[in-house]
C-alpha atoms as a PDB file:
ATOM      1  CA  MET A   1     -15.415  -3.060  -0.779  1.00  0.00           C
ATOM      2  CA  SER A   2     -18.175  -5.009   0.983  1.00  0.00           C
ATOM      3  CA  LEU A   3     -20.593  -2.075   0.681  1.00  0.00           C
ATOM      4  CA  GLN A   4     -20.227  -2.121  -3.098  1.00  0.00           C
ATOM      5  CA  ALA A   5     -20.600  -5.906  -3.133  1.00  0.00           C
ATOM      6  CA  MET A   6     -23.810  -5.593  -1.096  1.00  0.00           C
ATOM      7  CA  LEU A   7     -25.296  -3.013  -3.491  1.00  0.00           C
ATOM      8  CA  GLY A   8     -24.513  -5.268  -6.427  1.00  0.00           C
ATOM      9  CA  MET A   9     -26.390  -8.206  -4.879  1.00  0.00           C
ATOM     10  CA  PHE A  10     -29.874  -6.811  -5.398  1.00  0.00           C
ATOM     11  CA  GLY A  11     -30.062  -6.338  -9.159  1.00  0.00           C
ATOM     12  CA  ASP A  12     -33.664  -6.266 -10.367  1.00  0.00           C
ATOM     13  CA  ARG A  13     -35.037  -7.707  -7.079  1.00  0.00           C
ATOM     14  CA  PRO A  14     -34.143  -5.031  -4.523  1.00  0.00           C
ATOM     15  CA  PHE A  15     -36.721  -6.110  -1.926  1.00  0.00           C
ATOM     16  CA  MET A  16     -35.689  -9.753  -1.701  1.00  0.00           C
ATOM     17  CA  PRO A  17     -34.170 -10.510   1.765  1.00  0.00           C
ATOM     18  CA  ARG A  18     -30.439 -11.204   1.569  1.00  0.00           C
ATOM     19  CA  THR A  19     -27.481 -11.631   3.908  1.00  0.00           C
ATOM     20  CA  GLN A  20     -25.020  -8.755   3.690  1.00  0.00           C
ATOM     21  CA  PRO A  21     -21.267  -9.391   3.210  1.00  0.00           C
ATOM     22  CA  ARG A  22     -19.409  -9.763   6.513  1.00  0.00           C
ATOM     23  CA  GLU A  23     -17.456  -6.480   6.352  1.00  0.00           C
ATOM     24  CA  THR A  24     -20.390  -4.251   5.288  1.00  0.00           C
ATOM     25  CA  THR A  25     -20.864  -2.734   8.754  1.00  0.00           C
ATOM     26  CA  LYS A  26     -17.188  -1.769   8.927  1.00  0.00           C
ATOM     27  CA  ASP A  27     -17.425  -0.110   5.509  1.00  0.00           C
ATOM     28  CA  LEU A  28     -20.483   1.862   6.600  1.00  0.00           C
ATOM     29  CA  ASP A  29     -18.666   2.987   9.761  1.00  0.00           C
ATOM     30  CA  TRP A  30     -15.668   4.083   7.663  1.00  0.00           C
ATOM     31  CA  TRP A  31     -17.886   6.125   5.314  1.00  0.00           C
ATOM     32  CA  LEU A  32     -19.749   7.656   8.269  1.00  0.00           C
ATOM     33  CA  HIS A  33     -16.451   8.823   9.768  1.00  0.00           C
ATOM     34  CA  ALA A  34     -15.209  10.114   6.400  1.00  0.00           C
ATOM     35  CA  LEU A  35     -18.395  12.084   5.720  1.00  0.00           C
ATOM     36  CA  GLU A  36     -18.500  13.524   9.239  1.00  0.00           C
ATOM     37  CA  ASN A  37     -14.919  14.763   8.815  1.00  0.00           C
ATOM     38  CA  PRO A  38     -14.801  16.080   5.235  1.00  0.00           C
ATOM     39  CA  THR A  39     -11.439  16.960   3.721  1.00  0.00           C
ATOM     40  CA  HIS A  40     -11.106  19.041   0.583  1.00  0.00           C
ATOM     41  CA  LEU A  41      -8.321  17.571  -1.542  1.00  0.00           C
ATOM     42  CA  PRO A  42      -6.847  19.588  -4.406  1.00  0.00           C
ATOM     43  CA  ILE A  43      -7.009  18.087  -7.904  1.00  0.00           C
ATOM     44  CA  PRO A  44      -3.743  19.273  -9.491  1.00  0.00           C
ATOM     45  CA  HIS A  45      -2.391  18.473 -12.913  1.00  0.00           C
ATOM     46  CA  ALA A  46       0.207  15.704 -13.074  1.00  0.00           C
ATOM     47  CA  PRO A  47       3.085  18.067 -14.046  1.00  0.00           C
ATOM     48  CA  ALA A  48       2.636  19.865 -10.709  1.00  0.00           C
ATOM     49  CA  SER A  49       3.571  16.732  -8.755  1.00  0.00           C
ATOM     50  CA  LEU A  50       6.866  16.142  -6.950  1.00  0.00           C
ATOM     51  CA  ASN A  51       8.920  13.332  -8.490  1.00  0.00           C
ATOM     52  CA  LEU A  52      11.433  12.000  -5.957  1.00  0.00           C
ATOM     53  CA  ALA A  53      12.269   8.822  -7.924  1.00  0.00           C
ATOM     54  CA  ALA A  54      10.128   6.774  -5.523  1.00  0.00           C
ATOM     55  CA  PHE A  55       9.556   3.082  -6.298  1.00  0.00           C
ATOM     56  CA  SER A  56       8.014   0.089  -4.526  1.00  0.00           C
ATOM     57  CA  ASP A  57       7.980  -3.654  -5.216  1.00  0.00           C
ATOM     58  CA  ALA A  58       7.033  -6.967  -3.595  1.00  0.00           C
ATOM     59  CA  CYS A  59       8.099 -10.586  -4.006  1.00  0.00           C
ATOM     60  CA  THR A  60       5.784 -13.323  -2.688  1.00  0.00           C
ATOM     61  CA  SER A  61       8.702 -15.588  -1.769  1.00  0.00           C
ATOM     62  CA  PHE A  62      10.618 -12.949   0.126  1.00  0.00           C
ATOM     63  CA  GLY A  63       9.411  -9.471   0.952  1.00  0.00           C
ATOM     64  CA  ILE A  64       8.695  -5.832   0.183  1.00  0.00           C
ATOM     65  CA  ALA A  65      11.040  -2.968  -0.675  1.00  0.00           C
ATOM     66  CA  ILE A  66      11.005   0.712  -1.518  1.00  0.00           C
ATOM     67  CA  THR A  67      13.621   3.044  -2.977  1.00  0.00           C
ATOM     68  CA  VAL A  68      13.723   6.841  -3.039  1.00  0.00           C
ATOM     69  CA  ALA A  69      16.464   8.558  -5.021  1.00  0.00           C
ATOM     70  CA  GLY A  70      18.916   5.700  -4.464  1.00  0.00           C
ATOM     71  CA  ARG A  71      18.049   5.140  -0.785  1.00  0.00           C
ATOM     72  CA  TRP A  72      16.155   2.014   0.244  1.00  0.00           C
ATOM     73  CA  ARG A  73      14.307   0.088   2.916  1.00  0.00           C
ATOM     74  CA  ALA A  74      12.940  -3.459   2.984  1.00  0.00           C
ATOM     75  CA  TRP A  75      10.613  -5.718   4.954  1.00  0.00           C
ATOM     76  CA  CYS A  76      10.187  -9.482   5.074  1.00  0.00           C
ATOM     77  CA  LEU A  77       6.910 -11.311   4.631  1.00  0.00           C
ATOM     78  CA  LEU A  78       6.222 -13.703   7.495  1.00  0.00           C
ATOM     79  CA  PRO A  79       4.755 -17.215   7.199  1.00  0.00           C
ATOM     80  CA  GLY A  80       0.974 -17.088   6.939  1.00  0.00           C
ATOM     81  CA  TRP A  81       0.852 -13.672   5.276  1.00  0.00           C
ATOM     82  CA  ASP A  82      -0.977 -15.117   2.252  1.00  0.00           C
ATOM     83  CA  SER A  83      -4.194 -16.032   4.076  1.00  0.00           C
ATOM     84  CA  ASP A  84      -7.676 -14.469   4.129  1.00  0.00           C
ATOM     85  CA  SER A  85      -7.471 -13.217   0.520  1.00  0.00           C
ATOM     86  CA  ARG A  86      -4.037 -11.602   0.901  1.00  0.00           C
ATOM     87  CA  ASP A  87      -2.103 -12.115  -2.335  1.00  0.00           C
ATOM     88  CA  ILE A  88       0.668 -10.498  -4.393  1.00  0.00           C
ATOM     89  CA  GLY A  89      -1.611  -7.526  -5.042  1.00  0.00           C
ATOM     90  CA  TRP A  90      -1.973  -7.001  -1.300  1.00  0.00           C
ATOM     91  CA  ALA A  91       1.798  -7.257  -0.782  1.00  0.00           C
ATOM     92  CA  GLU A  92       2.345  -4.731  -3.575  1.00  0.00           C
ATOM     93  CA  SER A  93      -0.231  -2.406  -1.981  1.00  0.00           C
ATOM     94  CA  ILE A  94       1.711  -2.583   1.314  1.00  0.00           C
ATOM     95  CA  GLY A  95       4.842  -1.533  -0.562  1.00  0.00           C
ATOM     96  CA  PHE A  96       2.805   1.310  -2.051  1.00  0.00           C
ATOM     97  CA  GLU A  97       1.647   2.314   1.449  1.00  0.00           C
ATOM     98  CA  PHE A  98       5.138   2.119   2.981  1.00  0.00           C
ATOM     99  CA  LEU A  99       6.545   4.198   0.120  1.00  0.00           C
ATOM    100  CA  ILE A 100       3.974   6.928   0.696  1.00  0.00           C
ATOM    101  CA  ARG A 101       4.533   6.881   4.470  1.00  0.00           C
ATOM    102  CA  THR A 102       8.253   7.327   3.862  1.00  0.00           C
ATOM    103  CA  LEU A 103       7.706  10.202   1.442  1.00  0.00           C
ATOM    104  CA  LEU A 104       5.525  11.945   4.018  1.00  0.00           C
ATOM    105  CA  ILE A 105       8.456  11.727   6.445  1.00  0.00           C
ATOM    106  CA  LEU A 106      10.955  13.008   3.896  1.00  0.00           C
ATOM    107  CA  ASN A 107       8.813  15.816   2.500  1.00  0.00           C
ATOM    108  CA  SER A 108       6.331  17.828   4.561  1.00  0.00           C
ATOM    109  CA  SER A 109       5.063  20.122   1.804  1.00  0.00           C
ATOM    110  CA  THR A 110       1.575  19.741   0.359  1.00  0.00           C
ATOM    111  CA  THR A 111       2.903  19.281  -3.169  1.00  0.00           C
ATOM    112  CA  PRO A 112       1.372  16.179  -4.843  1.00  0.00           C
ATOM    113  CA  LEU A 113       3.645  13.151  -5.013  1.00  0.00           C
ATOM    114  CA  THR A 114       4.456  10.775  -7.867  1.00  0.00           C
ATOM    115  CA  VAL A 115       5.202   7.129  -7.049  1.00  0.00           C
ATOM    116  CA  TYR A 116       6.072   4.162  -9.246  1.00  0.00           C
ATOM    117  CA  GLY A 117       5.275   0.444  -9.065  1.00  0.00           C
ATOM    118  CA  ASP A 118       5.381  -2.560 -11.384  1.00  0.00           C
ATOM    119  CA  ASN A 119       2.062  -4.160 -10.405  1.00  0.00           C
ATOM    120  CA  GLN A 120      -0.426  -2.814 -12.899  1.00  0.00           C
ATOM    121  CA  GLY A 121      -3.401  -4.196 -10.954  1.00  0.00           C
ATOM    122  CA  VAL A 122      -2.565  -2.146  -7.861  1.00  0.00           C
ATOM    123  CA  ILE A 123      -1.740   0.976  -9.894  1.00  0.00           C
ATOM    124  CA  GLU A 124      -5.063   0.792 -11.749  1.00  0.00           C
ATOM    125  CA  ALA A 125      -6.956   0.054  -8.521  1.00  0.00           C
ATOM    126  CA  TRP A 126      -5.483   3.246  -7.035  1.00  0.00           C
ATOM    127  CA  TRP A 127      -6.595   5.165 -10.130  1.00  0.00           C
ATOM    128  CA  ALA A 128     -10.096   3.707  -9.764  1.00  0.00           C
ATOM    129  CA  GLY A 129     -10.204   4.407  -6.034  1.00  0.00           C
ATOM    130  CA  ARG A 130     -10.908   0.793  -5.093  1.00  0.00           C
ATOM    131  CA  SER A 131      -9.748  -2.806  -5.534  1.00  0.00           C
ATOM    132  CA  ARG A 132     -11.687  -6.043  -5.833  1.00  0.00           C
ATOM    133  CA  ASN A 133      -9.447  -7.421  -3.081  1.00  0.00           C
ATOM    134  CA  LYS A 134     -10.698  -6.557   0.440  1.00  0.00           C
ATOM    135  CA  PRO A 135      -7.280  -6.510   2.181  1.00  0.00           C
ATOM    136  CA  THR A 136      -5.964  -4.204  -0.543  1.00  0.00           C
ATOM    137  CA  ASN A 137      -8.906  -1.851   0.020  1.00  0.00           C
ATOM    138  CA  THR A 138      -8.009  -1.792   3.718  1.00  0.00           C
ATOM    139  CA  THR A 139      -4.496  -0.714   2.732  1.00  0.00           C
ATOM    140  CA  PHE A 140      -5.932   2.065   0.574  1.00  0.00           C
ATOM    141  CA  LYS A 141      -8.013   3.286   3.531  1.00  0.00           C
ATOM    142  CA  ARG A 142      -4.871   3.593   5.676  1.00  0.00           C
ATOM    143  CA  ILE A 143      -3.148   5.511   2.879  1.00  0.00           C
ATOM    144  CA  HIS A 144      -6.039   7.954   2.540  1.00  0.00           C
ATOM    145  CA  ALA A 145      -6.003   8.466   6.311  1.00  0.00           C
ATOM    146  CA  ALA A 146      -2.263   9.253   6.184  1.00  0.00           C
ATOM    147  CA  LEU A 147      -2.828  11.731   3.339  1.00  0.00           C
ATOM    148  CA  ARG A 148      -5.693  13.525   5.056  1.00  0.00           C
ATOM    149  CA  SER A 149      -3.838  16.036   7.218  1.00  0.00           C
ATOM    150  CA  PRO A 150      -2.414  18.088   5.690  1.00  0.00           C
ATOM    151  CA  PRO A 151      -4.200  17.135   2.461  1.00  0.00           C
ATOM    152  CA  ARG A 152      -1.873  15.435  -0.024  1.00  0.00           C
ATOM    153  CA  HIS A 153      -2.443  13.853  -3.405  1.00  0.00           C
ATOM    154  CA  VAL A 154      -0.569  10.894  -4.916  1.00  0.00           C
ATOM    155  CA  PHE A 155      -0.124  10.034  -8.579  1.00  0.00           C
ATOM    156  CA  ALA A 156       0.729   6.372  -9.188  1.00  0.00           C
ATOM    157  CA  LYS A 157       2.535   5.351 -12.375  1.00  0.00           C
ATOM    158  CA  TYR A 158       3.417   1.941 -13.793  1.00  0.00           C
ATOM    159  CA  VAL A 159       7.017   0.990 -14.505  1.00  0.00           C
ATOM    160  CA  PRO A 160       8.226  -2.375 -15.944  1.00  0.00           C
ATOM    161  CA  SER A 161       9.934  -4.663 -13.408  1.00  0.00           C
ATOM    162  CA  GLY A 162      13.231  -4.393 -15.266  1.00  0.00           C
ATOM    163  CA  HIS A 163      13.270  -0.643 -14.630  1.00  0.00           C
ATOM    164  CA  ASN A 164      12.173  -0.828 -10.987  1.00  0.00           C
ATOM    165  CA  PRO A 165      15.123  -0.271  -8.588  1.00  0.00           C
ATOM    166  CA  ALA A 166      13.067  -1.747  -5.724  1.00  0.00           C
ATOM    167  CA  ASN A 167      13.044  -5.124  -7.480  1.00  0.00           C
ATOM    168  CA  GLY A 168      16.376  -6.292  -6.029  1.00  0.00           C
ATOM    169  CA  PRO A 169      15.800  -5.328  -2.378  1.00  0.00           C
ATOM    170  CA  SER A 170      12.353  -6.968  -2.427  1.00  0.00           C
ATOM    171  CA  ARG A 171      14.191 -10.238  -3.182  1.00  0.00           C
ATOM    172  CA  GLY A 172      16.809  -9.862  -0.463  1.00  0.00           C
ATOM    173  CA  LEU A 173      19.485  -8.178  -2.581  1.00  0.00           C
ATOM    174  CA  TYR A 174      20.131  -5.342  -0.149  1.00  0.00           C
ATOM    175  CA  PRO A 175      22.305  -2.318  -0.973  1.00  0.00           C
ATOM    176  CA  THR A 176      24.603  -0.774   1.613  1.00  0.00           C
ATOM    177  CA  PRO A 177      22.922  -0.075   4.996  1.00  0.00           C
ATOM    178  CA  HIS A 178      24.339   3.462   4.919  1.00  0.00           C
ATOM    179  CA  ALA A 179      21.784   4.331   2.220  1.00  0.00           C
ATOM    180  CA  SER A 180      18.772   3.119   4.192  1.00  0.00           C
ATOM    181  CA  LEU A 181      15.599   5.192   4.485  1.00  0.00           C
ATOM    182  CA  PRO A 182      14.117   6.245   7.854  1.00  0.00           C
ATOM    183  CA  TRP A 183      12.340   3.692  10.033  1.00  0.00           C
ATOM    184  CA  PHE A 184       8.650   4.003  10.896  1.00  0.00           C
ATOM    185  CA  PRO A 185       6.359   1.660  12.855  1.00  0.00           C
ATOM    186  CA  ILE A 186       4.491  -1.035  10.940  1.00  0.00           C
ATOM    187  CA  PRO A 187       0.709  -0.547  11.297  1.00  0.00           C
ATOM    188  CA  PRO A 188      -0.512  -2.767  14.186  1.00  0.00           C
ATOM    189  CA  ASP A 189      -3.084  -4.692  12.128  1.00  0.00           C
ATOM    190  CA  ILE A 190      -0.419  -6.082   9.749  1.00  0.00           C
ATOM    191  CA  LYS A 191       2.525  -6.586  12.146  1.00  0.00           C
ATOM    192  CA  ARG A 192       1.905 -10.336  12.259  1.00  0.00           C
ATOM    193  CA  PHE A 193       2.500 -10.559   8.503  1.00  0.00           C
ATOM    194  CA  ILE A 194       5.523  -8.284   8.024  1.00  0.00           C
ATOM    195  CA  CYS A 195       8.749  -7.461   9.850  1.00  0.00           C
ATOM    196  CA  ASP A 196      11.679  -5.135   9.185  1.00  0.00           C
ATOM    197  CA  TYR A 197      14.349  -6.772   7.024  1.00  0.00           C
ATOM    198  CA  ASN A 198      16.879  -6.761   9.893  1.00  0.00           C
ATOM    199  CA  ASP A 199      14.500  -7.936  12.629  1.00  0.00           C
ATOM    200  CA  THR A 200      15.889 -11.297  13.780  1.00  0.00           C
ATOM    201  CA  GLN A 201      12.957 -11.929  16.133  1.00  0.00           C
ATOM    202  CA  TYR A 202      10.884 -13.451  13.329  1.00  0.00           C
ATOM    203  CA  PRO A 203      11.704 -16.157  10.766  1.00  0.00           C
ATOM    204  CA  PRO A 204      11.301 -14.610   7.269  1.00  0.00           C
ATOM    205  CA  LEU A 205      10.262 -16.592   4.215  1.00  0.00           C
ATOM    206  CA  GLY A 206      13.626 -16.181   2.491  1.00  0.00           C
ATOM    207  CA  ILE A 207      17.071 -17.157   3.656  1.00  0.00           C
ATOM    208  CA  GLN A 208      18.764 -13.867   4.477  1.00  0.00           C
ATOM    209  CA  ASP A 209      22.462 -14.589   4.353  1.00  0.00           C
ATOM    210  CA  GLN A 210      23.121 -10.900   3.986  1.00  0.00           C
ATOM    211  CA  LEU A 211      21.765  -9.934   7.414  1.00  0.00           C
END
């Protein structure tokens, strides 16, 4: 986050004038809102979480996919998505976000959720509560906002790519449409980078012969 980057700039010369990172004001506004609207989140043990066999994955040359207990949904990355520090970690974090949004639709209880992904960097960033990548941190902020009311908790676990059922759909290998997961709107600030897998309005990166 820019706020953390700013604090790390001063070192042993805290009174030396410096130029703050560009997004510092936005980070301060986000923290102000969060502290003015406190939410008490439970800290349960991992065994108390709800495991719905929920997986996410991303492929830089094609798109993003999630699976939940054999059901699936996918999105295509649009040309230009990999600009302004967006990288594979960001794409994986979007899959992580879309998986959680879907689980919130499928299950309205306050039981903690367990999700799986094969990008260790994103999984560990979620454990740490932050990422070195600014766009990924923005994704995390949206996730925390979605989990705020009612308060939910998410456990993220790593799974090797070979054991990730979302691996195929993220590369355009789509299962039967009858097993698709519910639709939800793509957040407005990332709509120019991602579209639903069956949206023919936009040209995806991959060649989708299966559409």
